[in-house]
Amino acid sequence: MDLGDTDGARGKRPRDHGAGYTPGPETRGKEVDDMTIEWRFTVERDLDILSITGYLGGEAVRRFDGAIGWVLARGAGPVIVDLTELRGWSVTGQHAITEAARRLARVGRSLELAAIPADGSLVPAGDGPDIPVHRDLASALATHRTRHRGLAHGRPNDA
């Protein structure tokens, strides 16, 4: 079975690799806590897209780390973290983004953000890799299509 084309937890096919959120015993039958996230992993051409919804705070960091683990195990290209539906994030959540960029960089992959929460806060600067921020997912995808076309025509990535 090619896990790259299925949601291992739910067996869905093909491109939507499934929401990473599965309610645990403490939340089954209850409303999902507003302080958590849900995630979905998809592949578009040579890009991995991790879409996050909810609130990325301290209570959601473990789930986010698990989503990054899923991406590391099943993806291969640059990772765009789509935050279009994220309601907000705490400093702890922002640091989780920075740590995810470090994890990906250690295996030669990059992390980019598509849209940031409306409060306008940015991922903290530090000693980690650069994290490009795009206005939205469409802008991020357009940037990569342009880079891909440039490489296909023998021009460098910055062309």
Protein backbone atom coordinates (compact mmCIF):
# COMPACT_ATOMS: atom_id res chain seq x y z
CA MET A 1 0.00 0.00 0.00
CA ASP A 2 1.38 3.42 -0.97
CA LEU A 3 0.83 5.57 2.10
CA GLY A 4 1.65 8.64 0.04
CA ASP A 5 -1.73 8.29 -1.68
CA THR A 6 -3.93 7.37 1.25
CA ASP A 7 -4.88 8.52 4.66
CA GLY A 8 -3.45 5.68 6.71
CA ALA A 9 -5.89 6.33 9.53
CA ARG A 10 -9.03 6.48 7.42
CA GLY A 11 -8.19 4.90 4.04
CA LYS A 12 -9.37 7.89 1.97
CA ARG A 13 -8.07 8.39 -1.55
CA PRO A 14 -6.37 10.13 -3.28
CA ARG A 15 -5.04 13.70 -2.76
CA ASP A 16 -6.56 14.67 0.57
CA HIS A 17 -4.41 12.72 2.97
CA GLY A 18 -6.86 13.21 5.76
CA ALA A 19 -7.40 15.32 8.79
CA GLY A 20 -4.83 14.60 11.43
CA TYR A 21 -7.26 15.15 14.23
CA THR A 22 -8.86 12.13 15.78
CA PRO A 23 -10.75 12.81 19.00
CA GLY A 24 -9.24 11.03 21.96
CA PRO A 25 -11.33 9.30 24.63
CA GLU A 26 -11.50 12.52 26.62
CA THR A 27 -13.18 14.42 23.75
CA ARG A 28 -15.37 11.84 22.02
CA GLY A 29 -18.97 12.94 22.11
CA LYS A 30 -18.02 16.46 23.26
CA GLU A 31 -17.47 19.70 21.41
CA VAL A 32 -13.85 20.02 20.30
CA ASP A 33 -11.95 22.46 22.50
CA ASP A 34 -11.44 25.90 20.95
CA MET A 35 -7.78 25.74 21.99
CA THR A 36 -6.76 23.01 19.56
CA ILE A 37 -6.17 22.49 15.86
CA GLU A 38 -7.18 20.21 13.05
CA TRP A 39 -4.90 19.57 10.11
CA ARG A 40 -5.00 18.23 6.57
CA PHE A 41 -2.03 17.18 4.43
CA THR A 42 -2.19 17.39 0.64
CA VAL A 43 0.33 17.21 -2.16
CA GLU A 44 0.26 19.59 -5.10
CA ARG A 45 2.90 18.82 -7.70
CA ASP A 46 6.20 18.88 -5.82
CA LEU A 47 4.84 20.78 -2.81
CA ASP A 48 3.50 19.47 0.47
CA ILE A 49 0.67 21.55 1.91
CA LEU A 50 -0.24 21.31 5.58
CA SER A 51 -3.49 23.18 6.25
CA ILE A 52 -4.16 24.11 9.87
CA THR A 53 -7.48 25.22 11.36
CA GLY A 54 -8.33 26.25 14.92
CA TYR A 55 -6.02 27.85 17.46
CA LEU A 56 -2.33 26.96 17.66
CA GLY A 57 -1.60 27.40 21.35
CA GLY A 58 0.18 25.39 23.99
CA GLU A 59 -2.54 22.73 24.07
CA ALA A 60 -2.26 22.17 20.31
CA VAL A 61 1.53 22.05 19.95
CA ARG A 62 1.73 18.28 20.40
CA ARG A 63 -0.88 17.75 17.67
CA PHE A 64 0.99 20.18 15.39
CA ASP A 65 4.26 18.33 16.04
CA GLY A 66 2.49 15.10 15.06
CA ALA A 67 1.30 16.72 11.84
CA ILE A 68 4.88 17.73 11.02
CA GLY A 69 5.95 14.13 11.72
CA TRP A 70 3.28 12.95 9.24
CA VAL A 71 4.61 15.40 6.63
CA LEU A 72 8.20 14.27 7.23
CA ALA A 73 7.24 10.62 6.81
CA ARG A 74 5.05 11.00 3.74
CA GLY A 75 6.21 14.09 1.87
CA ALA A 76 9.33 15.02 -0.01
CA GLY A 77 9.23 18.65 -1.12
CA PRO A 78 9.02 22.07 0.42
CA VAL A 79 6.20 22.41 2.97
CA ILE A 80 3.68 25.22 2.82
CA VAL A 81 1.80 25.58 6.08
CA ASP A 82 -1.54 27.09 5.12
CA LEU A 83 -2.80 29.18 8.04
CA THR A 84 -5.78 30.68 6.21
CA GLU A 85 -8.27 29.08 8.61
CA LEU A 86 -6.16 29.49 11.76
CA ARG A 87 -8.06 31.67 14.24
CA GLY A 88 -4.91 32.63 16.11
CA TRP A 89 -1.72 31.43 17.74
CA SER A 90 0.16 31.95 20.95
CA VAL A 91 3.87 32.59 21.36
CA THR A 92 4.17 28.86 22.09
CA GLY A 93 2.41 28.09 18.81
CA GLN A 94 4.72 30.46 16.95
CA HIS A 95 7.73 28.72 18.48
CA ALA A 96 6.28 25.38 17.32
CA ILE A 97 6.31 26.76 13.76
CA THR A 98 9.97 27.75 14.18
CA GLU A 99 10.83 24.30 15.55
CA ALA A 100 9.02 22.66 12.62
CA ALA A 101 11.15 24.72 10.23
CA ARG A 102 14.26 23.45 12.03
CA ARG A 103 13.07 19.82 11.84
CA LEU A 104 12.43 20.15 8.12
CA ALA A 105 15.74 21.94 7.49
CA ARG A 106 17.65 19.08 9.14
CA VAL A 107 16.45 16.82 6.31
CA GLY A 108 16.96 19.39 3.55
CA ARG A 109 13.38 20.65 3.33
CA SER A 110 11.94 24.11 3.79
CA LEU A 111 8.86 25.50 5.51
CA GLU A 112 6.84 28.47 4.28
CA LEU A 113 3.68 30.07 5.65
CA ALA A 114 0.63 30.90 3.58
CA ALA A 115 -1.35 33.57 5.43
CA ILE A 116 -0.79 34.39 9.06
CA PRO A 117 -3.46 35.00 11.70
CA ALA A 118 -5.31 38.29 11.46
CA ASP A 119 -3.54 39.71 14.51
CA GLY A 120 -0.55 40.24 12.22
CA SER A 121 1.97 38.69 14.57
CA LEU A 122 4.88 36.92 12.98
CA VAL A 123 6.87 33.86 13.88
CA PRO A 124 9.67 34.98 16.19
CA ALA A 125 13.07 35.65 14.68
CA GLY A 126 15.90 33.59 15.97
CA ASP A 127 18.67 31.28 14.97
CA GLY A 128 16.42 29.06 12.85
CA PRO A 129 15.99 28.92 9.10
CA ASP A 130 14.23 31.70 7.23
CA ILE A 131 10.47 31.20 7.00
CA PRO A 132 8.96 32.95 3.98
CA VAL A 133 5.44 34.30 4.54
CA HIS A 134 3.02 34.52 1.62
CA ARG A 135 -0.18 36.58 1.60
CA ASP A 136 -2.29 33.45 1.01
CA LEU A 137 -2.08 29.93 -0.38
CA ALA A 138 -2.70 31.08 -3.96
CA SER A 139 0.32 33.43 -3.70
CA ALA A 140 2.50 30.67 -2.28
CA LEU A 141 1.53 28.30 -5.09
CA ALA A 142 2.07 31.00 -7.73
CA THR A 143 5.55 31.69 -6.33
CA HIS A 144 6.46 28.02 -6.62
CA ARG A 145 5.00 27.71 -10.14
CA THR A 146 7.15 30.68 -11.19
CA ARG A 147 10.26 29.13 -9.62
CA HIS A 148 9.50 25.78 -11.25
CA ARG A 149 9.09 27.39 -14.70
CA GLY A 150 12.35 29.31 -14.19
CA LEU A 151 14.24 26.12 -13.39
CA ALA A 152 12.65 24.33 -16.33
CA HIS A 153 14.05 27.06 -18.60
CA GLY A 154 17.51 26.98 -17.05
CA ARG A 155 17.12 30.13 -14.97
CA PRO A 156 18.00 30.23 -11.27
CA ASN A 157 15.29 30.16 -8.59
CA ASP A 158 15.43 33.92 -8.14
CA ALA A 159 14.66 34.66 -11.80
